[in-house]
């Protein structure tokens, strides 16, 4: 499964690079991003559009990776809790079987017929 994920992610990265190469003429335009708050103004220097597209692409990959990591950790925690519950149930089952065996042995000794 991990091998398939690597292949798919490599194909996605290659498609992103092919998109940039095929549209390089359109993506060479320089733009400036401006953030204007009431008390603060921020403006970037001129940046090529392909750099912004590439940045947005990798930001999306990074965000999806963070979500995947979160899911893995939550699944590991669930597995850990379930294993702990399984150990508790196994010990309770051993105690119950031991109790049942001891009660069966005592009931057989009480019911033993007297031979006269």
N, C-alpha and C. Protein backbone atom coordinates (compact mmCIF):
# COMPACT_ATOMS: atom_id res chain seq x y z
N UNK A 1 0.82 -1.19 0.00
CA UNK A 1 0.00 0.00 0.00
C UNK A 1 0.86 1.25 0.00
N UNK A 2 1.95 1.22 0.76
CA UNK A 2 2.83 2.37 0.81
C UNK A 2 3.48 2.62 -0.56
N UNK A 3 3.77 1.54 -1.27
CA UNK A 3 4.36 1.65 -2.59
C UNK A 3 3.40 2.37 -3.56
N UNK A 4 2.12 2.05 -3.44
CA UNK A 4 1.11 2.69 -4.30
C UNK A 4 0.99 4.17 -3.97
N UNK A 5 1.06 4.53 -2.69
CA UNK A 5 1.00 5.94 -2.29
C UNK A 5 2.18 6.72 -2.87
N UNK A 6 3.34 6.11 -2.85
CA UNK A 6 4.53 6.78 -3.39
C UNK A 6 4.37 7.00 -4.90
N UNK A 7 3.86 6.01 -5.60
CA UNK A 7 3.66 6.14 -7.04
C UNK A 7 2.64 7.24 -7.34
N UNK A 8 1.53 7.25 -6.62
CA UNK A 8 0.50 8.25 -6.87
C UNK A 8 1.00 9.65 -6.55
N UNK A 9 1.72 9.82 -5.44
CA UNK A 9 2.23 11.14 -5.11
C UNK A 9 3.29 11.61 -6.11
N UNK A 10 4.09 10.69 -6.63
CA UNK A 10 5.06 11.06 -7.65
C UNK A 10 4.36 11.50 -8.93
N UNK A 11 3.30 10.83 -9.30
CA UNK A 11 2.55 11.20 -10.50
C UNK A 11 1.92 12.58 -10.32
N UNK A 12 1.39 12.86 -9.13
CA UNK A 12 0.79 14.17 -8.89
C UNK A 12 1.83 15.28 -8.97
N UNK A 13 3.00 15.06 -8.39
CA UNK A 13 4.08 16.06 -8.48
C UNK A 13 4.50 16.26 -9.93
N UNK A 14 4.64 15.18 -10.67
CA UNK A 14 5.02 15.31 -12.08
C UNK A 14 3.96 16.05 -12.89
N UNK A 15 2.69 15.81 -12.59
CA UNK A 15 1.63 16.55 -13.28
C UNK A 15 1.69 18.05 -12.97
N UNK A 16 1.99 18.39 -11.72
CA UNK A 16 2.15 19.79 -11.36
C UNK A 16 3.31 20.44 -12.10
N UNK A 17 4.42 19.73 -12.22
CA UNK A 17 5.58 20.27 -12.94
C UNK A 17 5.27 20.40 -14.43
N UNK A 18 4.59 19.41 -15.01
CA UNK A 18 4.21 19.48 -16.42
C UNK A 18 3.27 20.65 -16.66
N UNK A 19 2.34 20.91 -15.74
CA UNK A 19 1.43 22.04 -15.86
C UNK A 19 2.21 23.34 -15.91
N UNK A 20 3.20 23.47 -15.05
CA UNK A 20 4.00 24.70 -15.03
C UNK A 20 4.82 24.83 -16.31
N UNK A 21 5.41 23.75 -16.78
CA UNK A 21 6.23 23.82 -17.99
C UNK A 21 5.37 24.15 -19.21
N UNK A 22 4.20 23.54 -19.30
CA UNK A 22 3.33 23.78 -20.46
C UNK A 22 2.75 25.20 -20.48
N UNK A 23 2.56 25.78 -19.33
CA UNK A 23 1.97 27.12 -19.24
C UNK A 23 2.98 28.15 -18.76
N UNK A 24 4.23 27.94 -19.04
CA UNK A 24 5.28 28.80 -18.51
C UNK A 24 5.15 30.23 -19.03
N UNK A 25 4.74 30.40 -20.27
CA UNK A 25 4.61 31.74 -20.82
C UNK A 25 3.55 32.54 -20.07
N UNK A 26 2.43 31.90 -19.76
CA UNK A 26 1.37 32.58 -19.01
C UNK A 26 1.78 32.79 -17.55
N UNK A 27 2.56 31.87 -17.02
CA UNK A 27 2.91 31.92 -15.61
C UNK A 27 4.14 32.79 -15.34
N UNK A 28 4.73 33.36 -16.38
CA UNK A 28 5.90 34.21 -16.17
C UNK A 28 5.52 35.64 -15.79
N UNK A 29 4.25 35.97 -15.83
CA UNK A 29 3.83 37.31 -15.45
C UNK A 29 4.14 37.53 -13.98
N UNK A 30 4.68 38.69 -13.70
CA UNK A 30 5.01 39.03 -12.32
C UNK A 30 3.82 39.74 -11.68
N UNK A 31 3.48 39.29 -10.49
CA UNK A 31 2.39 39.93 -9.76
C UNK A 31 2.87 40.27 -8.36
N UNK A 32 2.13 41.15 -7.71
CA UNK A 32 2.45 41.54 -6.35
C UNK A 32 1.21 41.33 -5.49
N UNK A 33 1.39 40.72 -4.36
CA UNK A 33 0.28 40.45 -3.45
C UNK A 33 0.27 41.53 -2.38
N UNK A 34 -0.90 42.10 -2.15
CA UNK A 34 -1.02 43.19 -1.18
C UNK A 34 -2.06 42.83 -0.13
N UNK A 35 -1.68 42.99 1.13
CA UNK A 35 -2.58 42.78 2.26
C UNK A 35 -2.74 44.12 2.96
N UNK A 36 -3.96 44.65 2.92
CA UNK A 36 -4.20 45.97 3.48
C UNK A 36 -5.18 45.86 4.64
N UNK A 37 -4.64 45.92 5.83
CA UNK A 37 -5.46 45.99 7.03
C UNK A 37 -5.57 47.46 7.42
N UNK A 38 -6.45 47.78 8.32
CA UNK A 38 -6.64 49.18 8.67
C UNK A 38 -5.41 49.80 9.33
N UNK A 39 -4.70 49.02 10.05
CA UNK A 39 -3.55 49.54 10.79
C UNK A 39 -2.21 49.05 10.25
N UNK A 40 -2.24 48.17 9.28
CA UNK A 40 -1.00 47.60 8.76
C UNK A 40 -1.17 47.26 7.28
N UNK A 41 -0.17 47.58 6.49
CA UNK A 41 -0.20 47.25 5.07
C UNK A 41 1.04 46.44 4.74
N UNK A 42 0.82 45.35 4.02
CA UNK A 42 1.93 44.49 3.62
C UNK A 42 1.84 44.25 2.12
N UNK A 43 2.95 44.41 1.42
CA UNK A 43 2.98 44.18 -0.02
C UNK A 43 4.26 43.42 -0.37
N UNK A 44 4.08 42.37 -1.14
CA UNK A 44 5.24 41.57 -1.54
C UNK A 44 5.92 42.22 -2.74
N UNK A 45 7.17 41.90 -2.93
CA UNK A 45 7.80 42.33 -4.18
C UNK A 45 7.20 41.55 -5.35
N UNK A 46 7.52 41.92 -6.56
CA UNK A 46 6.99 41.22 -7.73
C UNK A 46 7.47 39.76 -7.74
N UNK A 47 6.51 38.87 -7.87
CA UNK A 47 6.79 37.43 -7.88
C UNK A 47 6.18 36.84 -9.14
N UNK A 48 6.88 35.91 -9.77
CA UNK A 48 6.32 35.22 -10.92
C UNK A 48 5.14 34.37 -10.48
N UNK A 49 4.16 34.27 -11.34
CA UNK A 49 2.95 33.52 -11.01
C UNK A 49 3.24 32.03 -10.82
N UNK A 50 4.22 31.48 -11.53
CA UNK A 50 4.52 30.06 -11.39
C UNK A 50 5.05 29.74 -9.99
N UNK A 51 5.72 30.70 -9.37
CA UNK A 51 6.21 30.49 -8.00
C UNK A 51 5.03 30.40 -7.04
N UNK A 52 4.03 31.25 -7.25
CA UNK A 52 2.85 31.23 -6.38
C UNK A 52 2.05 29.94 -6.59
N UNK A 53 1.92 29.50 -7.84
CA UNK A 53 1.21 28.25 -8.11
C UNK A 53 1.94 27.07 -7.47
N UNK A 54 3.24 27.04 -7.61
CA UNK A 54 4.03 25.97 -7.01
C UNK A 54 3.94 26.00 -5.48
N UNK A 55 3.97 27.20 -4.90
CA UNK A 55 3.83 27.34 -3.46
C UNK A 55 2.47 26.85 -2.98
N UNK A 56 1.41 27.22 -3.71
CA UNK A 56 0.06 26.78 -3.34
C UNK A 56 -0.07 25.26 -3.45
N UNK A 57 0.55 24.70 -4.46
CA UNK A 57 0.52 23.24 -4.65
C UNK A 57 1.16 22.53 -3.46
N UNK A 58 2.37 22.97 -3.11
CA UNK A 58 3.07 22.31 -2.00
C UNK A 58 2.43 22.62 -0.65
N UNK A 59 1.78 23.77 -0.53
CA UNK A 59 1.03 24.05 0.69
C UNK A 59 -0.13 23.09 0.84
N UNK A 60 -0.79 22.77 -0.26
CA UNK A 60 -1.87 21.78 -0.23
C UNK A 60 -1.36 20.40 0.11
N UNK A 61 -0.22 20.02 -0.45
CA UNK A 61 0.38 18.72 -0.13
C UNK A 61 0.76 18.65 1.35
N UNK A 62 1.32 19.74 1.86
CA UNK A 62 1.71 19.79 3.27
C UNK A 62 0.50 19.68 4.18
N UNK A 63 -0.56 20.40 3.84
CA UNK A 63 -1.79 20.35 4.65
C UNK A 63 -2.39 18.95 4.64
N UNK A 64 -2.44 18.32 3.48
CA UNK A 64 -2.97 16.96 3.40
C UNK A 64 -2.10 15.99 4.19
N UNK A 65 -0.80 16.20 4.18
CA UNK A 65 0.11 15.34 4.95
C UNK A 65 -0.12 15.49 6.45
N UNK A 66 -0.34 16.72 6.89
CA UNK A 66 -0.61 16.93 8.31
C UNK A 66 -1.89 16.22 8.73
N UNK A 67 -2.91 16.27 7.88
CA UNK A 67 -4.15 15.57 8.19
C UNK A 67 -3.91 14.06 8.23
N UNK A 68 -3.12 13.55 7.30
CA UNK A 68 -2.79 12.12 7.29
C UNK A 68 -2.04 11.70 8.54
N UNK A 69 -1.11 12.53 8.98
CA UNK A 69 -0.35 12.22 10.20
C UNK A 69 -1.28 12.21 11.41
N UNK A 70 -2.20 13.17 11.47
CA UNK A 70 -3.18 13.21 12.56
C UNK A 70 -4.02 11.94 12.58
N UNK A 71 -4.47 11.49 11.41
CA UNK A 71 -5.27 10.28 11.33
C UNK A 71 -4.48 9.06 11.80
N UNK A 72 -3.22 8.97 11.43
CA UNK A 72 -2.38 7.84 11.84
C UNK A 72 -2.23 7.82 13.36
N UNK A 73 -1.97 8.99 13.96
CA UNK A 73 -1.83 9.03 15.41
C UNK A 73 -3.12 8.68 16.13
N UNK A 74 -4.24 9.15 15.62
CA UNK A 74 -5.51 8.82 16.27
C UNK A 74 -5.83 7.33 16.12
N UNK A 75 -5.50 6.74 14.99
CA UNK A 75 -5.71 5.30 14.81
C UNK A 75 -4.80 4.49 15.73
N UNK A 76 -3.57 4.93 15.90
CA UNK A 76 -2.65 4.24 16.81
C UNK A 76 -3.17 4.30 18.25
N UNK A 77 -3.72 5.45 18.62
CA UNK A 77 -4.26 5.58 19.96
C UNK A 77 -5.46 4.66 20.15
N UNK A 78 -6.32 4.57 19.15
CA UNK A 78 -7.47 3.67 19.22
C UNK A 78 -7.02 2.22 19.31
N UNK A 79 -6.02 1.85 18.52
CA UNK A 79 -5.50 0.48 18.57
C UNK A 79 -4.91 0.18 19.95
N UNK A 80 -4.20 1.14 20.51
CA UNK A 80 -3.62 0.96 21.84
C UNK A 80 -4.72 0.75 22.89
N UNK A 81 -5.78 1.54 22.82
CA UNK A 81 -6.89 1.39 23.77
C UNK A 81 -7.58 0.04 23.59
N UNK A 82 -7.78 -0.39 22.35
CA UNK A 82 -8.43 -1.67 22.10
C UNK A 82 -7.58 -2.84 22.58
N UNK A 83 -6.27 -2.75 22.40
CA UNK A 83 -5.38 -3.81 22.90
C UNK A 83 -5.42 -3.88 24.42
N UNK A 84 -5.47 -2.72 25.06
CA UNK A 84 -5.56 -2.68 26.51
C UNK A 84 -6.87 -3.32 26.97
N UNK A 85 -7.97 -2.98 26.30
CA UNK A 85 -9.26 -3.59 26.63
C UNK A 85 -9.22 -5.10 26.41
N UNK A 86 -8.56 -5.54 25.36
CA UNK A 86 -8.44 -6.97 25.08
C UNK A 86 -7.67 -7.68 26.17
N UNK A 87 -6.60 -7.07 26.66
CA UNK A 87 -5.83 -7.66 27.75
C UNK A 87 -6.68 -7.76 29.02
N UNK A 88 -7.47 -6.74 29.31
CA UNK A 88 -8.34 -6.78 30.49
C UNK A 88 -9.36 -7.89 30.35
N UNK A 89 -9.98 -8.00 29.18
CA UNK A 89 -10.98 -9.05 28.96
C UNK A 89 -10.36 -10.44 29.03
N UNK A 90 -9.14 -10.59 28.52
CA UNK A 90 -8.48 -11.90 28.58
C UNK A 90 -8.20 -12.29 30.03
N UNK A 91 -7.75 -11.34 30.83
CA UNK A 91 -7.49 -11.66 32.24
C UNK A 91 -8.79 -11.98 32.97
N UNK A 92 -9.88 -11.25 32.66
CA UNK A 92 -11.17 -11.57 33.28
C UNK A 92 -11.67 -12.95 32.85
N UNK A 93 -11.43 -13.32 31.61
CA UNK A 93 -11.84 -14.63 31.13
C UNK A 93 -11.05 -15.74 31.83
N UNK A 94 -9.76 -15.53 32.04
CA UNK A 94 -8.95 -16.52 32.76
C UNK A 94 -9.44 -16.67 34.20
N UNK A 95 -9.77 -15.55 34.84
CA UNK A 95 -10.27 -15.61 36.21
C UNK A 95 -11.62 -16.33 36.26
N UNK A 96 -12.48 -16.05 35.27
CA UNK A 96 -13.80 -16.69 35.26
C UNK A 96 -13.67 -18.19 35.01
N UNK A 97 -12.77 -18.59 34.13
CA UNK A 97 -12.61 -20.03 33.88
C UNK A 97 -11.99 -20.73 35.08
N UNK A 98 -11.08 -20.06 35.75
CA UNK A 98 -10.49 -20.66 36.95
C UNK A 98 -11.54 -20.79 38.05
N UNK A 99 -12.39 -19.80 38.18
CA UNK A 99 -13.47 -19.85 39.17
C UNK A 99 -14.46 -20.95 38.83
N UNK A 100 -14.79 -21.09 37.55
CA UNK A 100 -15.72 -22.12 37.12
C UNK A 100 -15.15 -23.51 37.36
N UNK A 101 -13.86 -23.70 37.10
CA UNK A 101 -13.23 -25.00 37.34
C UNK A 101 -13.20 -25.34 38.82
N UNK A 102 -12.90 -24.36 39.64
CA UNK A 102 -12.85 -24.63 41.08
C UNK A 102 -14.24 -24.90 41.64
N UNK A 103 -15.25 -24.19 41.15
CA UNK A 103 -16.62 -24.44 41.63
C UNK A 103 -17.13 -25.78 41.12
N UNK A 104 -16.74 -26.18 39.92
CA UNK A 104 -17.14 -27.49 39.40
C UNK A 104 -16.48 -28.60 40.20
N UNK A 105 -15.25 -28.43 40.60
CA UNK A 105 -14.54 -29.44 41.39
C UNK A 105 -15.15 -29.58 42.78
N UNK A 106 -15.51 -28.47 43.39
CA UNK A 106 -16.12 -28.54 44.72
C UNK A 106 -17.53 -29.12 44.65
N UNK A 107 -18.28 -28.84 43.60
CA UNK A 107 -19.63 -29.39 43.49
C UNK A 107 -19.56 -30.89 43.22
N UNK A 108 -18.56 -31.38 42.51
CA UNK A 108 -18.42 -32.83 42.26
C UNK A 108 -18.05 -33.54 43.55
N UNK A 109 -17.26 -32.92 44.39
CA UNK A 109 -16.87 -33.58 45.65
C UNK A 109 -18.06 -33.61 46.62
N UNK A 110 -18.96 -32.69 46.57
CA UNK A 110 -20.12 -32.66 47.43
C UNK A 110 -21.17 -33.67 46.96
N UNK A 111 -21.30 -33.87 45.66
CA UNK A 111 -22.32 -34.72 45.09
C UNK A 111 -21.84 -36.17 45.02
N UNK A 112 -20.65 -36.45 45.38
CA UNK A 112 -20.11 -37.80 45.27
C UNK A 112 -20.99 -38.77 46.07
N UNK A 113 -21.44 -39.83 45.44
CA UNK A 113 -22.35 -40.78 46.12
C UNK A 113 -21.59 -41.57 47.19
N UNK A 114 -22.29 -41.83 48.25
CA UNK A 114 -21.67 -42.63 49.31
C UNK A 114 -21.93 -44.11 49.03
N UNK A 115 -20.96 -44.91 49.13
CA UNK A 115 -21.11 -46.33 48.84
C UNK A 115 -21.21 -47.10 50.15
N UNK A 116 -22.42 -47.60 50.43
CA UNK A 116 -22.63 -48.37 51.65
C UNK A 116 -23.13 -49.73 51.35
